[in-house]
C-alpha atoms as a PDB file:
ATOM      1  CA  MET A   1       3.965 -17.739  15.770  1.00  0.00           C
ATOM      2  CA  ASN A   2       0.201 -17.929  15.436  1.00  0.00           C
ATOM      3  CA  ILE A   3      -1.269 -15.456  17.912  1.00  0.00           C
ATOM      4  CA  VAL A   4      -2.815 -13.167  15.287  1.00  0.00           C
ATOM      5  CA  ASN A   5      -5.711 -15.536  14.679  1.00  0.00           C
ATOM      6  CA  THR A   6      -6.593 -15.235  18.378  1.00  0.00           C
ATOM      7  CA  TYR A   7      -5.614 -11.670  19.091  1.00  0.00           C
ATOM      8  CA  LYS A   8      -6.338  -9.618  15.968  1.00  0.00           C
ATOM      9  CA  LYS A   9      -4.103  -6.566  15.857  1.00  0.00           C
ATOM     10  CA  ASN A  10      -6.011  -3.560  14.518  1.00  0.00           C
ATOM     11  CA  LYS A  11      -3.163  -1.092  14.956  1.00  0.00           C
ATOM     12  CA  LEU A  12      -4.681   1.832  16.864  1.00  0.00           C
ATOM     13  CA  GLN A  13      -8.203   0.478  17.023  1.00  0.00           C
ATOM     14  CA  LYS A  14      -9.688  -0.170  20.458  1.00  0.00           C
ATOM     15  CA  LEU A  15      -9.915  -3.907  20.868  1.00  0.00           C
ATOM     16  CA  PRO A  16     -13.038  -5.660  22.161  1.00  0.00           C
ATOM     17  CA  GLU A  17     -13.159  -5.880  25.934  1.00  0.00           C
ATOM     18  CA  THR A  18     -12.860  -9.674  25.962  1.00  0.00           C
ATOM     19  CA  THR A  19      -9.767  -9.503  23.762  1.00  0.00           C
ATOM     20  CA  VAL A  20      -8.180  -6.751  25.854  1.00  0.00           C
ATOM     21  CA  SER A  21      -8.759  -8.846  28.956  1.00  0.00           C
ATOM     22  CA  GLU A  22      -7.031 -11.852  27.397  1.00  0.00           C
ATOM     23  CA  ILE A  23      -4.071  -9.785  26.266  1.00  0.00           C
ATOM     24  CA  GLU A  24      -3.717  -8.125  29.653  1.00  0.00           C
ATOM     25  CA  GLN A  25      -3.748 -11.482  31.360  1.00  0.00           C
ATOM     26  CA  SER A  26      -0.907 -12.739  29.180  1.00  0.00           C
ATOM     27  CA  LEU A  27       1.209  -9.864  27.819  1.00  0.00           C
ATOM     28  CA  TYR A  28       0.769  -7.283  30.573  1.00  0.00           C
ATOM     29  CA  THR A  29       0.941  -9.533  33.588  1.00  0.00           C
ATOM     30  CA  THR A  30       3.366  -8.911  36.423  1.00  0.00           C
ATOM     31  CA  SER A  31       4.205 -12.592  36.427  1.00  0.00           C
ATOM     32  CA  THR A  32       7.719 -13.618  35.465  1.00  0.00           C
ATOM     33  CA  THR A  33       6.502 -16.965  34.177  1.00  0.00           C
ATOM     34  CA  PRO A  34       6.931 -17.417  30.396  1.00  0.00           C
ATOM     35  CA  THR A  35       3.633 -17.293  28.501  1.00  0.00           C
ATOM     36  CA  TYR A  36       2.812 -19.850  25.805  1.00  0.00           C
ATOM     37  CA  PHE A  37       1.216 -18.522  22.597  1.00  0.00           C
ATOM     38  CA  GLY A  38       0.693 -21.774  20.731  1.00  0.00           C
ATOM     39  CA  ALA A  39       4.001 -21.890  18.838  1.00  0.00           C
ATOM     40  CA  ARG A  40       6.563 -20.599  21.355  1.00  0.00           C
ATOM     41  CA  TYR A  41       6.969 -18.981  24.759  1.00  0.00           C
ATOM     42  CA  LEU A  42       7.327 -15.244  25.474  1.00  0.00           C
ATOM     43  CA  ASP A  43       9.424 -14.078  28.425  1.00  0.00           C
ATOM     44  CA  PRO A  44       7.390 -11.240  30.034  1.00  0.00           C
ATOM     45  CA  ARG A  45      10.486  -9.864  31.772  1.00  0.00           C
ATOM     46  CA  THR A  46      12.331  -9.111  28.541  1.00  0.00           C
ATOM     47  CA  SER A  47       9.426  -9.173  26.030  1.00  0.00           C
ATOM     48  CA  ARG A  48      11.411 -11.586  23.890  1.00  0.00           C
ATOM     49  CA  TRP A  49      10.629 -15.013  22.529  1.00  0.00           C
ATOM     50  CA  LEU A  50      12.443 -17.910  24.175  1.00  0.00           C
ATOM     51  CA  SER A  51      12.759 -19.917  20.968  1.00  0.00           C
ATOM     52  CA  VAL A  52      13.218 -19.194  17.296  1.00  0.00           C
ATOM     53  CA  ASP A  53      10.568 -18.644  14.672  1.00  0.00           C
ATOM     54  CA  PRO A  54       9.124 -22.077  13.765  1.00  0.00           C
ATOM     55  CA  ALA A  55       9.792 -21.337  10.105  1.00  0.00           C
ATOM     56  CA  MET A  56      13.516 -21.499  10.832  1.00  0.00           C
ATOM     57  CA  TYR A  57      13.818 -24.641  12.904  1.00  0.00           C
ATOM     58  CA  GLN A  58      11.391 -26.467  10.620  1.00  0.00           C
ATOM     59  CA  GLY A  59      13.701 -25.658   7.739  1.00  0.00           C
ATOM     60  CA  ASP A  60      11.293 -23.540   5.670  1.00  0.00           C
ATOM     61  CA  TYR A  61      13.761 -20.629   5.345  1.00  0.00           C
ATOM     62  CA  ILE A  62      16.677 -22.859   4.302  1.00  0.00           C
ATOM     63  CA  PRO A  63      17.205 -23.882   0.647  1.00  0.00           C
ATOM     64  CA  ALA A  64      17.436 -27.589  -0.124  1.00  0.00           C
ATOM     65  CA  ALA A  65      20.015 -29.353  -2.235  1.00  0.00           C
ATOM     66  CA  PRO A  66      19.189 -28.450  -5.884  1.00  0.00           C
ATOM     67  CA  ILE A  67      18.585 -31.995  -7.032  1.00  0.00           C
ATOM     68  CA  ASN A  68      15.837 -31.168  -9.566  1.00  0.00           C
ATOM     69  CA  ASP A  69      13.984 -28.267 -11.185  1.00  0.00           C
ATOM     70  CA  GLU A  70      11.169 -28.249  -8.627  1.00  0.00           C
ATOM     71  CA  VAL A  71      13.584 -27.913  -5.717  1.00  0.00           C
ATOM     72  CA  ARG A  72      15.461 -25.167  -7.524  1.00  0.00           C
ATOM     73  CA  ARG A  73      12.188 -23.281  -8.078  1.00  0.00           C
ATOM     74  CA  ASN A  74      11.373 -23.591  -4.373  1.00  0.00           C
ATOM     75  CA  ASN A  75      14.838 -22.341  -3.460  1.00  0.00           C
ATOM     76  CA  ASN A  76      14.217 -19.242  -5.555  1.00  0.00           C
ATOM     77  CA  ASN A  77      10.946 -18.519  -3.752  1.00  0.00           C
ATOM     78  CA  LEU A  78      11.596 -19.179  -0.074  1.00  0.00           C
ATOM     79  CA  PRO A  79       8.923 -18.003   2.409  1.00  0.00           C
ATOM     80  CA  GLY A  80       9.370 -14.899   4.499  1.00  0.00           C
ATOM     81  CA  MET A  81      10.207 -12.933   1.330  1.00  0.00           C
ATOM     82  CA  GLY A  82      13.509 -14.734   0.787  1.00  0.00           C
ATOM     83  CA  GLY A  83      14.120 -17.092   3.692  1.00  0.00           C
ATOM     84  CA  ILE A  84      17.707 -16.906   4.951  1.00  0.00           C
ATOM     85  CA  TYR A  85      18.581 -14.613   2.021  1.00  0.00           C
ATOM     86  CA  ASN A  86      16.393 -11.897   3.566  1.00  0.00           C
ATOM     87  CA  TYR A  87      18.577 -10.615   6.407  1.00  0.00           C
ATOM     88  CA  VAL A  88      15.555  -9.725   8.553  1.00  0.00           C
ATOM     89  CA  ASN A  89      14.782 -13.417   8.887  1.00  0.00           C
ATOM     90  CA  MET A  90      18.170 -14.111  10.419  1.00  0.00           C
ATOM     91  CA  HIS A  91      16.943 -12.559  13.672  1.00  0.00           C
ATOM     92  CA  VAL A  92      14.729 -15.546  14.342  1.00  0.00           C
ATOM     93  CA  TYR A  93      13.460 -14.255  17.688  1.00  0.00           C
ATOM     94  CA  HIS A  94      11.536 -11.433  16.045  1.00  0.00           C
ATOM     95  CA  TYR A  95       7.894 -11.167  14.916  1.00  0.00           C
ATOM     96  CA  GLY A  96       6.509  -9.834  11.622  1.00  0.00           C
ATOM     97  CA  GLY A  97       9.812  -8.754  10.137  1.00  0.00           C
ATOM     98  CA  ASN A  98      10.470  -6.552  13.204  1.00  0.00           C
ATOM     99  CA  ASN A  99       7.619  -4.344  12.002  1.00  0.00           C
ATOM    100  CA  PRO A 100       4.360  -5.548  13.596  1.00  0.00           C
ATOM    101  CA  VAL A 101       2.619  -2.256  12.787  1.00  0.00           C
ATOM    102  CA  LYS A 102       3.061  -2.914   9.070  1.00  0.00           C
ATOM    103  CA  TYR A 103       3.149  -6.729   8.810  1.00  0.00           C
ATOM    104  CA  VAL A 104       0.836  -9.450  10.075  1.00  0.00           C
ATOM    105  CA  ASP A 105       2.642 -12.791  10.369  1.00  0.00           C
ATOM    106  CA  THR A 106      -0.137 -15.334  10.735  1.00  0.00           C
ATOM    107  CA  ASP A 107       2.018 -18.434  11.170  1.00  0.00           C
ATOM    108  CA  GLY A 108       5.654 -17.386  11.390  1.00  0.00           C
ATOM    109  CA  ARG A 109       6.162 -18.104   7.710  1.00  0.00           C
ATOM    110  CA  ILE A 110       4.290 -15.896   5.264  1.00  0.00           C
ATOM    111  CA  ILE A 111       4.098 -12.086   5.079  1.00  0.00           C
ATOM    112  CA  ILE A 112       1.503 -10.535   2.774  1.00  0.00           C
ATOM    113  CA  GLU A 113       1.318  -6.756   2.578  1.00  0.00           C
ATOM    114  CA  ILE A 114       1.359  -3.978  -0.022  1.00  0.00           C
ATOM    115  CA  ILE A 115       2.659  -0.635   1.206  1.00  0.00           C
ATOM    116  CA  ALA A 116       0.471   2.324   0.185  1.00  0.00           C
ATOM    117  CA  GLN A 117       3.440   4.417  -0.868  1.00  0.00           C
ATOM    118  CA  TYR A 118       1.657   6.324  -3.660  1.00  0.00           C
ATOM    119  CA  ASN A 119      -1.860   7.422  -4.549  1.00  0.00           C
ATOM    120  CA  MET A 120      -3.550   8.302  -7.817  1.00  0.00           C
ATOM    121  CA  GLN A 121      -3.699  12.012  -7.087  1.00  0.00           C
ATOM    122  CA  GLY A 122       0.008  12.294  -6.339  1.00  0.00           C
ATOM    123  CA  SER A 123      -0.841  13.927  -3.014  1.00  0.00           C
ATOM    124  CA  ASN A 124       0.769  13.394   0.377  1.00  0.00           C
ATOM    125  CA  ALA A 125      -2.570  12.557   2.002  1.00  0.00           C
ATOM    126  CA  ASN A 126      -2.404   9.823   4.654  1.00  0.00           C
ATOM    127  CA  ASN A 127       1.402   9.676   4.527  1.00  0.00           C
ATOM    128  CA  ALA A 128       1.623   8.891   0.806  1.00  0.00           C
ATOM    129  CA  VAL A 129       4.609  10.192  -1.151  1.00  0.00           C
ATOM    130  CA  ALA A 130       3.672  13.196  -3.270  1.00  0.00           C
ATOM    131  CA  GLY A 131       4.417  13.405  -6.990  1.00  0.00           C
ATOM    132  CA  ASN A 132       3.374  15.249 -10.126  1.00  0.00           C
ATOM    133  CA  TRP A 133       1.698  12.326 -11.881  1.00  0.00           C
ATOM    134  CA  GLY A 134      -1.927  12.943 -10.833  1.00  0.00           C
ATOM    135  CA  ALA A 135      -2.686  15.368 -13.660  1.00  0.00           C
ATOM    136  CA  ALA A 136      -0.751  13.378 -16.255  1.00  0.00           C
ATOM    137  CA  LEU A 137      -2.742  11.738 -19.026  1.00  0.00           C
ATOM    138  CA  ILE A 138      -2.473   7.971 -19.097  1.00  0.00           C
ATOM    139  CA  ARG A 139      -0.305   7.909 -22.192  1.00  0.00           C
ATOM    140  CA  PRO A 140      -2.011   5.493 -24.570  1.00  0.00           C
ATOM    141  CA  TYR A 141      -5.464   6.877 -23.792  1.00  0.00           C
ATOM    142  CA  SER A 142      -7.027   9.411 -26.172  1.00  0.00           C
ATOM    143  CA  ASN A 143     -10.002  10.362 -23.993  1.00  0.00           C
ATOM    144  CA  ASN A 144      -8.198  12.704 -21.582  1.00  0.00           C
ATOM    145  CA  THR A 145      -8.114  10.189 -18.726  1.00  0.00           C
ATOM    146  CA  THR A 146      -5.610  11.198 -16.061  1.00  0.00           C
ATOM    147  CA  ILE A 147      -3.904   9.038 -13.462  1.00  0.00           C
ATOM    148  CA  ALA A 148      -5.919  10.852 -10.784  1.00  0.00           C
ATOM    149  CA  ILE A 149      -9.116   9.629 -12.465  1.00  0.00           C
ATOM    150  CA  GLY A 150      -8.238   6.220 -13.899  1.00  0.00           C
ATOM    151  CA  GLY A 151      -4.774   5.265 -12.682  1.00  0.00           C
ATOM    152  CA  CYS A 152      -5.600   2.893  -9.818  1.00  0.00           C
ATOM    153  CA  ALA A 153      -3.959  -0.099 -11.515  1.00  0.00           C
ATOM    154  CA  ILE A 154      -0.832   1.966 -12.223  1.00  0.00           C
ATOM    155  CA  VAL A 155      -0.605   3.002  -8.568  1.00  0.00           C
ATOM    156  CA  LEU A 156      -1.232  -0.548  -7.331  1.00  0.00           C
ATOM    157  CA  VAL A 157       1.655  -1.848  -9.431  1.00  0.00           C
ATOM    158  CA  ALA A 158       3.906   1.006  -8.272  1.00  0.00           C
ATOM    159  CA  ASN A 159       3.059   0.184  -4.652  1.00  0.00           C
ATOM    160  CA  ILE A 160       3.870  -3.482  -5.234  1.00  0.00           C
ATOM    161  CA  ALA A 161       7.209  -2.454  -6.722  1.00  0.00           C
ATOM    162  CA  PHE A 162       7.997  -0.261  -3.727  1.00  0.00           C
ATOM    163  CA  THR A 163       7.004  -3.029  -1.334  1.00  0.00           C
ATOM    164  CA  ARG A 164       9.509  -5.295  -3.057  1.00  0.00           C
ATOM    165  CA  GLY A 165      12.294  -2.719  -2.880  1.00  0.00           C
ATOM    166  CA  ALA A 166      12.171  -1.345  -6.447  1.00  0.00           C
ATOM    167  CA  ILE A 167      12.037   2.306  -5.420  1.00  0.00           C
ATOM    168  CA  GLY A 168      12.773   3.510  -8.949  1.00  0.00           C
ATOM    169  CA  VAL A 169       9.347   2.319 -10.120  1.00  0.00           C
ATOM    170  CA  THR A 170       6.723   5.028  -9.543  1.00  0.00           C
ATOM    171  CA  PRO A 171       3.366   5.876 -11.124  1.00  0.00           C
ATOM    172  CA  ALA A 172       5.217   8.393 -13.283  1.00  0.00           C
ATOM    173  CA  THR A 173       7.839   5.959 -14.589  1.00  0.00           C
ATOM    174  CA  ILE A 174       5.183   3.349 -15.338  1.00  0.00           C
ATOM    175  CA  ASN A 175       3.059   5.877 -17.221  1.00  0.00           C
ATOM    176  CA  ASN A 176       5.999   7.235 -19.200  1.00  0.00           C
ATOM    177  CA  ASN A 177       6.672   3.883 -20.860  1.00  0.00           C
ATOM    178  CA  ASN A 178       4.171   2.936 -23.572  1.00  0.00           C
ATOM    179  CA  ASN A 179       5.395  -0.659 -23.442  1.00  0.00           C
ATOM    180  CA  ASN A 180       3.577  -0.954 -20.120  1.00  0.00           C
ATOM    181  CA  PHE A 181       0.207  -0.642 -21.893  1.00  0.00           C
ATOM    182  CA  ASP A 182      -1.604  -2.724 -24.478  1.00  0.00           C
ATOM    183  CA  GLN A 183      -3.114  -1.377 -27.699  1.00  0.00           C
ATOM    184  CA  GLY A 184      -6.374  -0.606 -25.919  1.00  0.00           C
ATOM    185  CA  GLY A 185      -4.605   1.604 -23.414  1.00  0.00           C
ATOM    186  CA  TYR A 186      -4.889  -0.835 -20.520  1.00  0.00           C
ATOM    187  CA  LEU A 187      -2.029  -1.557 -18.171  1.00  0.00           C
ATOM    188  CA  ARG A 188      -0.021  -4.699 -18.837  1.00  0.00           C
ATOM    189  CA  TRP A 189       0.529  -6.350 -15.483  1.00  0.00           C
ATOM    190  CA  ILE A 190       3.964  -7.877 -16.080  1.00  0.00           C
ATOM    191  CA  PRO A 191       6.377  -5.380 -17.749  1.00  0.00           C
ATOM    192  CA  PRO A 192       6.289  -2.649 -15.034  1.00  0.00           C
ATOM    193  CA  LEU A 193       7.426  -5.171 -12.400  1.00  0.00           C
ATOM    194  CA  SER A 194      10.224  -6.841 -14.354  1.00  0.00           C
ATOM    195  CA  THR A 195      12.819  -5.565 -11.845  1.00  0.00           C
ATOM    196  CA  SER A 196      10.703  -5.854  -8.700  1.00  0.00           C
ATOM    197  CA  ASN A 197      11.443  -9.349  -7.363  1.00  0.00           C
ATOM    198  CA  VAL A 198       7.970 -10.670  -8.084  1.00  0.00           C
ATOM    199  CA  THR A 199       6.568 -13.237 -10.468  1.00  0.00           C
ATOM    200  CA  PHE A 200       3.184 -12.759 -12.088  1.00  0.00           C
ATOM    201  CA  VAL A 201       0.874 -15.635 -11.176  1.00  0.00           C
ATOM    202  CA  ASP A 202      -2.632 -14.897 -12.448  1.00  0.00           C
ATOM    203  CA  ARG A 203      -5.239 -12.291 -13.337  1.00  0.00           C
ATOM    204  CA  VAL A 204      -8.666 -13.627 -12.362  1.00  0.00           C
ATOM    205  CA  TYR A 205     -11.947 -12.190 -13.632  1.00  0.00           C
ATOM    206  CA  ARG A 206     -14.132 -13.329 -10.750  1.00  0.00           C
ATOM    207  CA  PRO A 207     -14.449 -12.438  -7.054  1.00  0.00           C
ATOM    208  CA  LEU A 208     -11.688 -13.426  -4.650  1.00  0.00           C
ATOM    209  CA  THR A 209     -13.321 -15.821  -2.213  1.00  0.00           C
ATOM    210  CA  ALA A 210     -12.253 -16.240   1.387  1.00  0.00           C
ATOM    211  CA  ALA A 211     -11.154 -19.801   0.628  1.00  0.00           C
ATOM    212  CA  ALA A 212      -8.946 -18.673  -2.271  1.00  0.00           C
ATOM    213  CA  PHE A 213      -7.347 -15.910  -0.191  1.00  0.00           C
ATOM    214  CA  ASN A 214      -6.706 -18.287   2.706  1.00  0.00           C
ATOM    215  CA  ASP A 215      -5.085 -20.769   0.322  1.00  0.00           C
ATOM    216  CA  LEU A 216      -2.582 -18.063  -0.583  1.00  0.00           C
ATOM    217  CA  ALA A 217      -2.081 -16.864   2.990  1.00  0.00           C
ATOM    218  CA  ASN A 218      -1.533 -20.373   4.305  1.00  0.00           C
ATOM    219  CA  ASN A 219       0.806 -21.536   1.547  1.00  0.00           C
ATOM    220  CA  GLN A 220       3.863 -23.117   3.127  1.00  0.00           C
ATOM    221  CA  ASN A 221       6.230 -22.415   0.236  1.00  0.00           C
ATOM    222  CA  TYR A 222       5.522 -18.974  -1.180  1.00  0.00           C
ATOM    223  CA  SER A 223       4.639 -15.410  -0.233  1.00  0.00           C
ATOM    224  CA  TYR A 224       2.061 -13.574  -2.327  1.00  0.00           C
ATOM    225  CA  LEU A 225       1.012  -9.996  -3.002  1.00  0.00           C
ATOM    226  CA  VAL A 226      -2.636  -9.662  -3.966  1.00  0.00           C
ATOM    227  CA  GLY A 227      -4.541  -6.865  -5.665  1.00  0.00           C
ATOM    228  CA  ILE A 228      -8.332  -6.813  -5.827  1.00  0.00           C
ATOM    229  CA  ARG A 229     -10.754  -4.991  -8.130  1.00  0.00           C
ATOM    230  CA  VAL A 230     -13.599  -3.540  -6.070  1.00  0.00           C
ATOM    231  CA  ASN A 231     -16.788  -1.521  -6.480  1.00  0.00           C
ATOM    232  CA  TYR A 232     -16.736   1.942  -4.957  1.00  0.00           C
ATOM    233  CA  SER A 233     -19.382   3.927  -6.836  1.00  0.00           C
ATOM    234  CA  GLY A 234     -22.974   3.744  -7.999  1.00  0.00           C
ATOM    235  CA  THR A 235     -25.440   1.188  -6.694  1.00  0.00           C
ATOM    236  CA  THR A 236     -26.473  -2.280  -7.757  1.00  0.00           C
ATOM    237  CA  GLY A 237     -27.697  -1.937 -11.333  1.00  0.00           C
ATOM    238  CA  ASN A 238     -26.336   1.586 -11.649  1.00  0.00           C
ATOM    239  CA  SER A 239     -23.112   1.150 -13.622  1.00  0.00           C
ATOM    240  CA  PRO A 240     -20.618   0.864 -10.771  1.00  0.00           C
ATOM    241  CA  ARG A 241     -17.016   1.762 -11.551  1.00  0.00           C
ATOM    242  CA  ASP A 242     -14.305  -0.617 -10.462  1.00  0.00           C
ATOM    243  CA  HIS A 243     -11.151   0.290  -8.624  1.00  0.00           C
ATOM    244  CA  TRP A 244      -7.874  -1.545  -7.875  1.00  0.00           C
ATOM    245  CA  VAL A 245      -6.493  -1.740  -4.329  1.00  0.00           C
ATOM    246  CA  GLY A 246      -4.253  -4.136  -2.412  1.00  0.00           C
ATOM    247  CA  ALA A 247      -5.694  -6.917  -0.232  1.00  0.00           C
ATOM    248  CA  SER A 248      -3.765  -7.222   3.020  1.00  0.00           C
ATOM    249  CA  GLU A 249      -5.865  -9.359   5.315  1.00  0.00           C
ATOM    250  CA  LEU A 250      -9.175 -11.230   5.566  1.00  0.00           C
ATOM    251  CA  VAL A 251     -11.185 -10.198   8.636  1.00  0.00           C
ATOM    252  CA  THR A 252     -14.668 -10.725  10.045  1.00  0.00           C
ATOM    253  CA  ARG A 253     -16.576  -7.755  11.449  1.00  0.00           C
ATOM    254  CA  ASN A 254     -20.102  -8.184  12.792  1.00  0.00           C
ATOM    255  CA  ASN A 255     -20.325 -11.563  11.064  1.00  0.00           C
ATOM    256  CA  ILE A 256     -19.435 -10.060   7.655  1.00  0.00           C
ATOM    257  CA  GLN A 257     -16.164 -10.846   5.900  1.00  0.00           C
ATOM    258  CA  TYR A 258     -13.992  -8.011   4.631  1.00  0.00           C
ATOM    259  CA  TYR A 259     -10.601  -7.472   3.097  1.00  0.00           C
ATOM    260  CA  ARG A 260      -8.444  -4.954   4.873  1.00  0.00           C
ATOM    261  CA  ILE A 261      -7.034  -3.037   1.946  1.00  0.00           C
ATOM    262  CA  SER A 262      -3.982  -1.115   0.883  1.00  0.00           C
ATOM    263  CA  PRO A 263      -5.481   2.041  -0.693  1.00  0.00           C
ATOM    264  CA  THR A 264      -4.506   3.488  -4.066  1.00  0.00           C
ATOM    265  CA  SER A 265      -6.499   6.742  -3.922  1.00  0.00           C
ATOM    266  CA  GLU A 266      -6.799   9.499  -1.346  1.00  0.00           C
ATOM    267  CA  ASN A 267     -10.560   8.991  -1.744  1.00  0.00           C
ATOM    268  CA  ASP A 268     -10.321   5.429  -0.389  1.00  0.00           C
ATOM    269  CA  TRP A 269     -10.097   6.999   3.058  1.00  0.00           C
ATOM    270  CA  ILE A 270     -13.420   8.836   2.603  1.00  0.00           C
ATOM    271  CA  MET A 271     -16.631   6.873   3.114  1.00  0.00           C
ATOM    272  CA  GLY A 272     -18.895   8.752   0.718  1.00  0.00           C
ATOM    273  CA  THR A 273     -22.594   8.213  -0.003  1.00  0.00           C
ATOM    274  CA  ASN A 274     -22.883   9.678  -3.513  1.00  0.00           C
ATOM    275  CA  THR A 275     -24.948   7.157  -5.495  1.00  0.00           C
ATOM    276  CA  ALA A 276     -24.159   8.647  -8.903  1.00  0.00           C
ATOM    277  CA  ALA A 277     -22.505   6.272 -11.375  1.00  0.00           C
ATOM    278  CA  ASN A 278     -19.138   8.017 -10.911  1.00  0.00           C
ATOM    279  CA  GLY A 279     -19.629   9.182  -7.323  1.00  0.00           C
ATOM    280  CA  ASN A 280     -17.919   8.103  -4.124  1.00  0.00           C
ATOM    281  CA  ASN A 281     -20.383   5.640  -2.620  1.00  0.00           C
ATOM    282  CA  ARG A 282     -17.899   3.642  -0.589  1.00  0.00           C
ATOM    283  CA  ALA A 283     -20.068   3.744   2.525  1.00  0.00           C
ATOM    284  CA  GLY A 284     -23.108   2.770   0.478  1.00  0.00           C
ATOM    285  CA  ARG A 285     -21.130  -0.140  -0.904  1.00  0.00           C
ATOM    286  CA  GLY A 286     -20.455  -1.346   2.615  1.00  0.00           C
ATOM    287  CA  TRP A 287     -16.881  -0.138   3.019  1.00  0.00           C
ATOM    288  CA  GLN A 288     -15.827   0.482   6.620  1.00  0.00           C
ATOM    289  CA  THR A 289     -12.942   2.095   8.471  1.00  0.00           C
ATOM    290  CA  ASP A 290     -11.231   1.999  11.829  1.00  0.00           C
ATOM    291  CA  THR A 291     -10.196   5.247  13.488  1.00  0.00           C
ATOM    292  CA  ASN A 292      -7.887   6.150  16.339  1.00  0.00           C
ATOM    293  CA  ALA A 293      -8.584   8.381  19.338  1.00  0.00           C
ATOM    294  CA  LYS A 294      -8.005  11.488  17.188  1.00  0.00           C
ATOM    295  CA  GLY A 295     -10.578  10.394  14.639  1.00  0.00           C
ATOM    296  CA  GLN A 296      -7.948   9.568  12.032  1.00  0.00           C
ATOM    297  CA  VAL A 297      -8.629   6.592   9.770  1.00  0.00           C
ATOM    298  CA  THR A 298      -6.163   3.782  10.403  1.00  0.00           C
ATOM    299  CA  ASP A 299      -7.615   0.885   8.395  1.00  0.00           C
ATOM    300  CA  ILE A 300     -10.013   0.463   5.463  1.00  0.00           C
ATOM    301  CA  TYR A 301     -12.206  -2.588   4.850  1.00  0.00           C
ATOM    302  CA  VAL A 302     -14.076  -3.700   1.719  1.00  0.00           C
ATOM    303  CA  PRO A 303     -16.782  -6.399   1.877  1.00  0.00           C
ATOM    304  CA  LEU A 304     -16.053  -9.541  -0.082  1.00  0.00           C
ATOM    305  CA  ASP A 305     -19.241  -9.082  -2.115  1.00  0.00           C
ATOM    306  CA  GLN A 306     -17.805  -5.863  -3.571  1.00  0.00           C
ATOM    307  CA  VAL A 307     -14.786  -7.657  -5.086  1.00  0.00           C
ATOM    308  CA  THR A 308     -15.099  -8.398  -8.804  1.00  0.00           C
ATOM    309  CA  GLY A 309     -11.642  -9.670  -9.698  1.00  0.00           C
ATOM    310  CA  TYR A 310      -8.072 -10.022  -8.492  1.00  0.00           C
ATOM    311  CA  ILE A 311      -4.436 -10.346  -9.456  1.00  0.00           C
ATOM    312  CA  ILE A 312      -1.686 -12.380  -7.806  1.00  0.00           C
ATOM    313  CA  TYR A 313       2.071 -11.919  -7.701  1.00  0.00           C
ATOM    314  CA  ARG A 314       4.479 -14.283  -5.993  1.00  0.00           C
ATOM    315  CA  ALA A 315       7.320 -12.696  -4.038  1.00  0.00           C
ATOM    316  CA  ASN A 316      10.772 -13.844  -5.105  1.00  0.00           C
ATOM    317  CA  GLN A 317      13.804 -13.951  -2.801  1.00  0.00           C
ATOM    318  CA  ASN A 318      16.297 -11.163  -2.176  1.00  0.00           C
ATOM    319  CA  LEU A 319      14.605  -7.819  -1.570  1.00  0.00           C
ATOM    320  CA  GLN A 320      16.385  -4.852  -3.096  1.00  0.00           C
ATOM    321  CA  ASN A 321      17.737  -2.155  -0.814  1.00  0.00           C
ATOM    322  CA  ASN A 322      15.264   0.631  -0.228  1.00  0.00           C
END
């Protein structure tokens, strides 16, 4: 199904008038005639698709005969986070894993999302799960750095683990294991996710371009989870601090490209204007948000020119129970 590229779903955001008009003419019509969305027809009487997800009938979810190593590798990394081995995919008349509020399925094949289950502060702000790790010192550090101050990478990895069903991996469990850090006190990206149904692909020390992100999103064989390192403080030339968040979607707003992010800090929801080197200058850095009718932030966007690096994990098959 490929309607997202035409009708961008911004959760609770008010859609542009032209888009609302198009949706009303197709989804909210009183007609009983099936509506075609480019990949399959929707029955307006029952609000159900009349054919299966293209990923199923084209065979993308089904493993091939293991005739060589390459085929076996593909069988272990089927799209849709596990192909037919992910039970959600067996209901092939659904959309976005039966959770369109959380997942954007751009072509009926690939789902890319990182759930913001935890934040650095360990608070329950914005529906995060609270914990006592915020005040904990990042173990290998000797300069009194706490997770609340410098633990964005730890929280990103914990959120990836939760997204993949490894609910036993939290910021606290990651921090309590010195093997998860190198001799300089920096997080090692692979050990904390050894039980999380992901495979480390790459850590890249340059900006994540739109073309590179689209290559991942449009891959026919694999699903990816992407973290990006972004600027949030200071100004150009004023020692900006970097910050790790998840990258969920590439969008264009007022002719500027942004990544819709999965936050790792309760401060990611606050568009500050403090230009100090360690201040919250997210608004000054061009970050934007969407809000609902109650004024609550529903989505956070970071401009592509504020991305300084990224990390990629490939989702393996068979999600754990969560």
